[in-house]
């Protein structure tokens, strides 16, 4: 995964900004920080749930904006609020 200047803006407020980030195959990334730091926004951009407002990037060699379907076929995002229903 590679991100270059990726920024996600909601309204006029930048929710997340990454000047440069590269994670090679086999490496892991720990995302931590206080509430509102942009952790979920980062993961949503990588998973193509939202598009970056500025910048460019790729996941598994596929462009974050132009090849979203290819990324979605190969990745999944499971957040802390999955909205899975439990049968009773």
C-alpha atoms as a PDB file:
ATOM      1  CA  UNK A   1       0.000   0.000   0.000  1.00  0.00           C
ATOM      2  CA  UNK A   2       1.250   3.454  -0.861  1.00  0.00           C
ATOM      3  CA  UNK A   3      -0.271   6.826  -0.010  1.00  0.00           C
ATOM      4  CA  UNK A   4       1.097  10.146  -1.205  1.00  0.00           C
ATOM      5  CA  UNK A   5      -0.357  13.339   0.177  1.00  0.00           C
ATOM      6  CA  UNK A   6      -3.707  11.672   0.798  1.00  0.00           C
ATOM      7  CA  UNK A   7      -6.139  13.942   2.595  1.00  0.00           C
ATOM      8  CA  UNK A   8      -9.808  13.440   3.365  1.00  0.00           C
ATOM      9  CA  UNK A   9     -11.807  16.613   3.999  1.00  0.00           C
ATOM     10  CA  UNK A  10     -15.294  16.720   5.492  1.00  0.00           C
ATOM     11  CA  UNK A  11     -16.768  20.171   4.877  1.00  0.00           C
ATOM     12  CA  UNK A  12     -13.790  22.461   5.368  1.00  0.00           C
ATOM     13  CA  UNK A  13     -12.043  20.390   8.051  1.00  0.00           C
ATOM     14  CA  UNK A  14      -9.291  17.946   7.048  1.00  0.00           C
ATOM     15  CA  UNK A  15     -10.187  14.688   8.789  1.00  0.00           C
ATOM     16  CA  UNK A  16      -6.937  12.981   7.933  1.00  0.00           C
ATOM     17  CA  UNK A  17      -3.682  13.832   6.184  1.00  0.00           C
ATOM     18  CA  UNK A  18      -0.790  11.538   5.302  1.00  0.00           C
ATOM     19  CA  UNK A  19       2.123  13.112   3.454  1.00  0.00           C
ATOM     20  CA  UNK A  20       3.650   9.734   2.518  1.00  0.00           C
ATOM     21  CA  UNK A  21       3.043   6.209   3.734  1.00  0.00           C
ATOM     22  CA  UNK A  22       4.270   2.917   2.297  1.00  0.00           C
ATOM     23  CA  UNK A  23       3.515  -0.517   3.720  1.00  0.00           C
ATOM     24  CA  UNK A  24       5.171  -3.404   1.921  1.00  0.00           C
ATOM     25  CA  UNK A  25       3.810  -6.939   1.650  1.00  0.00           C
ATOM     26  CA  UNK A  26       4.383  -8.784   4.922  1.00  0.00           C
ATOM     27  CA  UNK A  27       4.587  -5.596   6.985  1.00  0.00           C
ATOM     28  CA  UNK A  28       1.971  -4.527   9.527  1.00  0.00           C
ATOM     29  CA  UNK A  29       0.665  -1.126  10.481  1.00  0.00           C
ATOM     30  CA  UNK A  30      -0.571  -0.246  13.960  1.00  0.00           C
ATOM     31  CA  UNK A  31      -3.085   2.587  13.885  1.00  0.00           C
ATOM     32  CA  UNK A  32      -3.643   4.218  17.236  1.00  0.00           C
ATOM     33  CA  UNK A  33      -4.526   7.593  18.647  1.00  0.00           C
ATOM     34  CA  UNK A  34      -7.205   9.497  20.525  1.00  0.00           C
ATOM     35  CA  UNK A  35     -10.819   9.757  19.431  1.00  0.00           C
ATOM     36  CA  UNK A  36     -11.115  11.999  16.400  1.00  0.00           C
ATOM     37  CA  UNK A  37      -7.506  11.488  15.286  1.00  0.00           C
ATOM     38  CA  UNK A  38      -8.556  10.027  11.916  1.00  0.00           C
ATOM     39  CA  UNK A  39      -7.885   6.322  12.448  1.00  0.00           C
ATOM     40  CA  UNK A  40     -11.222   5.176  11.043  1.00  0.00           C
ATOM     41  CA  UNK A  41     -11.009   7.676   8.199  1.00  0.00           C
ATOM     42  CA  UNK A  42      -7.596   6.287   7.229  1.00  0.00           C
ATOM     43  CA  UNK A  43      -8.942   2.732   7.182  1.00  0.00           C
ATOM     44  CA  UNK A  44     -12.045   3.784   5.235  1.00  0.00           C
ATOM     45  CA  UNK A  45      -9.884   5.500   2.588  1.00  0.00           C
ATOM     46  CA  UNK A  46      -7.652   2.414   2.269  1.00  0.00           C
ATOM     47  CA  UNK A  47     -10.728   0.164   1.963  1.00  0.00           C
ATOM     48  CA  UNK A  48     -12.254   2.567  -0.621  1.00  0.00           C
ATOM     49  CA  UNK A  49     -15.321   3.172   1.554  1.00  0.00           C
ATOM     50  CA  UNK A  50     -14.580   6.885   1.023  1.00  0.00           C
ATOM     51  CA  UNK A  51     -12.404   8.519  -1.621  1.00  0.00           C
ATOM     52  CA  UNK A  52      -9.487  10.741  -0.748  1.00  0.00           C
ATOM     53  CA  UNK A  53     -10.193  14.430  -1.316  1.00  0.00           C
ATOM     54  CA  UNK A  54      -6.579  15.078  -2.349  1.00  0.00           C
ATOM     55  CA  UNK A  55      -3.526  12.988  -3.079  1.00  0.00           C
ATOM     56  CA  UNK A  56      -3.036   9.571  -4.590  1.00  0.00           C
ATOM     57  CA  UNK A  57      -2.427   6.045  -3.482  1.00  0.00           C
ATOM     58  CA  UNK A  58      -2.623   2.378  -4.245  1.00  0.00           C
ATOM     59  CA  UNK A  59      -3.536  -0.822  -2.453  1.00  0.00           C
ATOM     60  CA  UNK A  60      -2.122  -4.108  -3.782  1.00  0.00           C
ATOM     61  CA  UNK A  61      -0.959  -2.127  -6.817  1.00  0.00           C
ATOM     62  CA  UNK A  62      -4.453  -0.808  -7.639  1.00  0.00           C
ATOM     63  CA  UNK A  63      -5.241   2.910  -7.708  1.00  0.00           C
ATOM     64  CA  UNK A  64      -7.419   4.089  -4.800  1.00  0.00           C
ATOM     65  CA  UNK A  65      -9.767   6.053  -7.042  1.00  0.00           C
ATOM     66  CA  UNK A  66      -9.694   4.505 -10.525  1.00  0.00           C
ATOM     67  CA  UNK A  67      -9.564   0.824  -9.484  1.00  0.00           C
ATOM     68  CA  UNK A  68     -11.791   0.751  -6.407  1.00  0.00           C
ATOM     69  CA  UNK A  69     -13.577  -2.406  -7.554  1.00  0.00           C
ATOM     70  CA  UNK A  70     -10.282  -4.313  -7.823  1.00  0.00           C
ATOM     71  CA  UNK A  71      -9.323  -3.283  -4.281  1.00  0.00           C
ATOM     72  CA  UNK A  72     -12.752  -4.199  -2.927  1.00  0.00           C
ATOM     73  CA  UNK A  73     -12.541  -7.670  -4.466  1.00  0.00           C
ATOM     74  CA  UNK A  74      -9.327  -8.328  -2.553  1.00  0.00           C
ATOM     75  CA  UNK A  75      -9.802  -6.555   0.789  1.00  0.00           C
ATOM     76  CA  UNK A  76     -12.316  -6.253   3.611  1.00  0.00           C
ATOM     77  CA  UNK A  77     -12.896  -3.701   6.333  1.00  0.00           C
ATOM     78  CA  UNK A  78     -14.301  -4.925   9.613  1.00  0.00           C
ATOM     79  CA  UNK A  79     -14.685  -2.040  12.032  1.00  0.00           C
ATOM     80  CA  UNK A  80     -15.457  -2.084  15.730  1.00  0.00           C
ATOM     81  CA  UNK A  81     -19.125  -1.446  14.979  1.00  0.00           C
ATOM     82  CA  UNK A  82     -19.903  -4.157  12.483  1.00  0.00           C
ATOM     83  CA  UNK A  83     -23.695  -3.730  12.632  1.00  0.00           C
ATOM     84  CA  UNK A  84     -24.032  -7.500  12.538  1.00  0.00           C
ATOM     85  CA  UNK A  85     -27.353  -8.710  13.848  1.00  0.00           C
ATOM     86  CA  UNK A  86     -27.423 -11.434  16.455  1.00  0.00           C
ATOM     87  CA  UNK A  87     -30.174 -14.028  16.102  1.00  0.00           C
ATOM     88  CA  UNK A  88     -32.318 -14.732  19.135  1.00  0.00           C
END
